[in-house]
């Protein structure tokens, strides 16, 4: 199967956003991978599954992630099991699934049921057509655990007093943030902190 011109344009933008997102999360992504031309993209990829990505963190090559682009528009348990078995066999516990359509409640429940073993994020293709970071004014910095502890001690606050943002917030999802992580938001003449939560 070869992509139509419309699909080429769409998937070219989606893959670029994914590569930028991975770099922003601290994965090793080179400039040429983000700046690939549409012509190069078209000559290299013919099916969604060919878009598969495997990356490691810059500072820890053992911290790896996969990005899957299923060919199938609709999902079934067999496809999900293929991904989980592949992840288990290669000892990669984190992945992003880029789907053509939203997953139904049943599949979301299956994914949540395995969250103690695998961390699988799901993005619909439409959510990745535009990089939201390019449309957000303030800078976001994820605080390492040590800096989070320093913040709490410096301002003599309890974690529950830090303003919250839902784990489903678009920026939290872009950065792959988990419950309990703190983000420093930098605006002109203003800095503040928020904590990711699943309230």
Protein backbone atom coordinates (compact mmCIF):
# COMPACT_ATOMS: atom_id res chain seq x y z
CA UNK A 1 0.00 0.00 0.00
CA UNK A 2 1.35 3.42 -0.98
CA UNK A 3 0.17 6.61 0.74
CA UNK A 4 -1.99 9.05 -1.16
CA UNK A 5 -0.68 12.63 -1.43
CA UNK A 6 -3.08 13.68 1.33
CA UNK A 7 -1.81 10.90 3.62
CA UNK A 8 1.82 11.80 2.85
CA UNK A 9 1.21 15.42 3.90
CA UNK A 10 -0.68 14.35 7.01
CA UNK A 11 1.76 11.67 8.19
CA UNK A 12 4.78 13.84 7.36
CA UNK A 13 3.47 16.49 9.80
CA UNK A 14 2.53 13.89 12.43
CA UNK A 15 5.92 12.18 12.40
CA UNK A 16 7.70 15.54 12.63
CA UNK A 17 5.62 16.45 15.70
CA UNK A 18 6.40 13.08 17.28
CA UNK A 19 10.14 13.55 16.71
CA UNK A 20 10.00 17.06 18.23
CA UNK A 21 8.02 15.70 21.17
CA UNK A 22 10.58 12.95 21.80
CA UNK A 23 13.43 15.46 21.69
CA UNK A 24 11.56 17.71 24.16
CA UNK A 25 11.21 14.70 26.47
CA UNK A 26 14.97 14.19 26.48
CA UNK A 27 15.30 11.45 23.87
CA UNK A 28 18.20 11.49 21.43
CA UNK A 29 16.74 12.91 18.22
CA UNK A 30 19.03 14.42 15.61
CA UNK A 31 18.21 17.57 13.60
CA UNK A 32 18.11 15.64 10.33
CA UNK A 33 15.35 13.40 11.75
CA UNK A 34 13.16 16.42 12.43
CA UNK A 35 14.09 18.32 9.27
CA UNK A 36 13.53 15.49 6.78
CA UNK A 37 11.93 16.84 3.59
CA UNK A 38 8.54 15.71 2.39
CA UNK A 39 10.21 14.19 -0.69
CA UNK A 40 12.57 12.12 1.51
CA UNK A 41 9.65 11.12 3.70
CA UNK A 42 7.62 9.96 0.69
CA UNK A 43 10.49 7.89 -0.70
CA UNK A 44 11.23 6.21 2.65
CA UNK A 45 7.78 5.36 4.03
CA UNK A 46 4.98 3.41 2.33
CA UNK A 47 2.90 2.14 5.25
CA UNK A 48 2.12 3.44 8.72
CA UNK A 49 4.01 0.57 10.35
CA UNK A 50 7.17 1.75 8.49
CA UNK A 51 7.03 4.95 10.60
CA UNK A 52 8.02 2.95 13.72
CA UNK A 53 10.44 4.84 15.99
CA UNK A 54 12.86 3.54 18.63
CA UNK A 55 14.72 6.09 20.75
CA UNK A 56 16.84 6.21 23.92
CA UNK A 57 17.22 9.03 26.43
CA UNK A 58 20.26 11.27 25.91
CA UNK A 59 21.52 10.69 29.43
CA UNK A 60 20.48 7.04 29.82
CA UNK A 61 20.64 4.65 26.85
CA UNK A 62 18.70 2.03 28.85
CA UNK A 63 15.67 4.35 29.09
CA UNK A 64 14.05 3.57 25.74
CA UNK A 65 10.73 4.22 24.02
CA UNK A 66 8.93 2.89 20.96
CA UNK A 67 6.42 4.75 18.80
CA UNK A 68 3.98 2.53 16.92
CA UNK A 69 1.86 3.63 13.95
CA UNK A 70 -0.63 0.79 13.36
CA UNK A 71 -1.74 0.21 9.76
CA UNK A 72 -5.16 -0.86 11.01
CA UNK A 73 -7.80 1.86 11.41
CA UNK A 74 -9.69 -0.19 13.97
CA UNK A 75 -8.13 -1.99 16.88
CA UNK A 76 -8.39 -5.49 18.30
CA UNK A 77 -6.83 -7.34 21.22
CA UNK A 78 -4.51 -9.28 18.91
CA UNK A 79 -2.82 -6.09 17.68
CA UNK A 80 -2.39 -4.83 21.23
CA UNK A 81 -0.87 -8.17 22.27
CA UNK A 82 1.62 -8.02 19.40
CA UNK A 83 2.89 -4.67 20.67
CA UNK A 84 3.03 -5.80 24.30
CA UNK A 85 4.86 -9.04 23.38
CA UNK A 86 7.36 -7.11 21.26
CA UNK A 87 7.98 -4.64 24.11
CA UNK A 88 8.43 -7.45 26.64
CA UNK A 89 10.81 -9.40 24.40
CA UNK A 90 13.01 -6.32 23.87
CA UNK A 91 12.66 -5.05 27.47
CA UNK A 92 11.25 -1.67 26.44
CA UNK A 93 8.53 -0.68 28.90
CA UNK A 94 7.38 2.64 27.45
CA UNK A 95 5.67 3.29 24.11
CA UNK A 96 3.44 5.71 22.25
CA UNK A 97 0.65 4.40 20.07
CA UNK A 98 -0.40 6.76 17.26
CA UNK A 99 -3.86 5.65 16.16
CA UNK A 100 -5.99 6.69 13.21
CA UNK A 101 -9.14 6.77 15.34
CA UNK A 102 -9.78 7.04 19.05
CA UNK A 103 -9.69 3.82 21.05
CA UNK A 104 -12.90 2.66 22.66
CA UNK A 105 -13.36 2.28 26.40
CA UNK A 106 -12.53 -1.44 26.32
CA UNK A 107 -9.05 -0.93 24.84
CA UNK A 108 -8.30 1.99 27.13
CA UNK A 109 -9.22 -0.29 30.03
CA UNK A 110 -6.87 -3.02 28.68
CA UNK A 111 -4.04 -0.48 28.46
CA UNK A 112 -4.70 0.82 31.98
CA UNK A 113 -4.80 -2.77 33.27
CA UNK A 114 -1.19 -3.29 32.18
CA UNK A 115 0.07 0.10 33.37
CA UNK A 116 2.05 -1.45 36.23
CA UNK A 117 4.22 -3.21 33.62
CA UNK A 118 4.02 -1.07 30.48
CA UNK A 119 3.52 2.66 30.11
CA UNK A 120 1.62 2.98 26.83
CA UNK A 121 0.44 6.44 25.78
CA UNK A 122 -2.18 6.81 23.09
CA UNK A 123 -2.37 9.77 20.72
CA UNK A 124 -4.81 10.07 17.88
CA UNK A 125 -3.21 11.19 14.60
CA UNK A 126 -5.34 14.34 14.60
CA UNK A 127 -3.81 15.40 17.93
CA UNK A 128 -0.32 15.42 16.41
CA UNK A 129 -0.94 17.37 13.21
CA UNK A 130 0.28 20.50 14.99
CA UNK A 131 2.97 20.73 17.65
CA UNK A 132 1.15 22.38 20.56
CA UNK A 133 4.44 23.53 22.05
CA UNK A 134 4.89 25.90 19.12
CA UNK A 135 1.56 27.51 20.01
CA UNK A 136 2.09 27.88 23.75
CA UNK A 137 3.66 31.12 24.94
CA UNK A 138 5.25 30.12 28.26
CA UNK A 139 8.25 27.86 28.58
CA UNK A 140 7.73 24.63 30.53
CA UNK A 141 10.56 22.99 32.48
CA UNK A 142 10.09 19.60 34.15
CA UNK A 143 11.71 19.58 37.57
CA UNK A 144 13.83 16.57 38.52
CA UNK A 145 12.82 14.93 41.81
CA UNK A 146 15.69 16.62 43.72
CA UNK A 147 14.57 20.10 42.56
CA UNK A 148 10.97 19.27 43.48
CA UNK A 149 12.15 18.46 47.01
CA UNK A 150 14.15 21.73 47.16
CA UNK A 151 11.09 23.67 46.00
CA UNK A 152 8.93 22.22 48.77
CA UNK A 153 11.60 22.95 51.39
CA UNK A 154 12.38 26.46 50.11
CA UNK A 155 8.78 27.64 50.19
CA UNK A 156 7.84 25.48 53.21
CA UNK A 157 4.79 24.10 51.44
CA UNK A 158 3.32 20.64 51.29
CA UNK A 159 2.99 18.91 47.94
CA UNK A 160 -0.79 19.13 48.20
CA UNK A 161 -0.50 22.94 48.25
CA UNK A 162 1.13 23.12 44.82
CA UNK A 163 -1.42 24.08 42.12
CA UNK A 164 -2.50 21.08 40.03
CA UNK A 165 -2.96 20.24 36.39
CA UNK A 166 -4.56 17.05 35.14
CA UNK A 167 -2.43 14.31 33.64
CA UNK A 168 -4.75 14.56 30.61
CA UNK A 169 -3.79 18.22 30.02
CA UNK A 170 -2.41 18.60 26.45
CA UNK A 171 0.96 19.92 27.67
CA UNK A 172 1.25 17.16 30.30
CA UNK A 173 0.53 14.59 27.59
CA UNK A 174 3.02 16.20 25.18
CA UNK A 175 5.81 15.83 27.73
CA UNK A 176 4.61 12.39 28.88
CA UNK A 177 4.28 13.60 32.46
CA UNK A 178 3.13 11.32 35.25
CA UNK A 179 1.26 12.00 38.45
CA UNK A 180 3.41 13.80 41.02
CA UNK A 181 5.80 15.49 38.59
CA UNK A 182 6.24 19.25 38.96
CA UNK A 183 6.57 21.70 36.08
CA UNK A 184 8.02 25.20 36.25
CA UNK A 185 6.18 27.59 33.94
CA UNK A 186 8.09 30.65 32.83
CA UNK A 187 6.25 33.69 31.51
CA UNK A 188 7.63 37.21 31.06
CA UNK A 189 8.04 38.63 34.60
CA UNK A 190 6.40 35.58 36.19
CA UNK A 191 7.38 32.05 37.19
CA UNK A 192 5.15 29.50 38.88
CA UNK A 193 4.92 25.79 39.52
CA UNK A 194 2.21 23.20 38.90
CA UNK A 195 2.00 19.54 39.81
CA UNK A 196 0.58 16.85 37.56
CA UNK A 197 -2.31 14.95 39.13
CA UNK A 198 -5.09 12.59 38.09
CA UNK A 199 -7.86 14.12 40.20
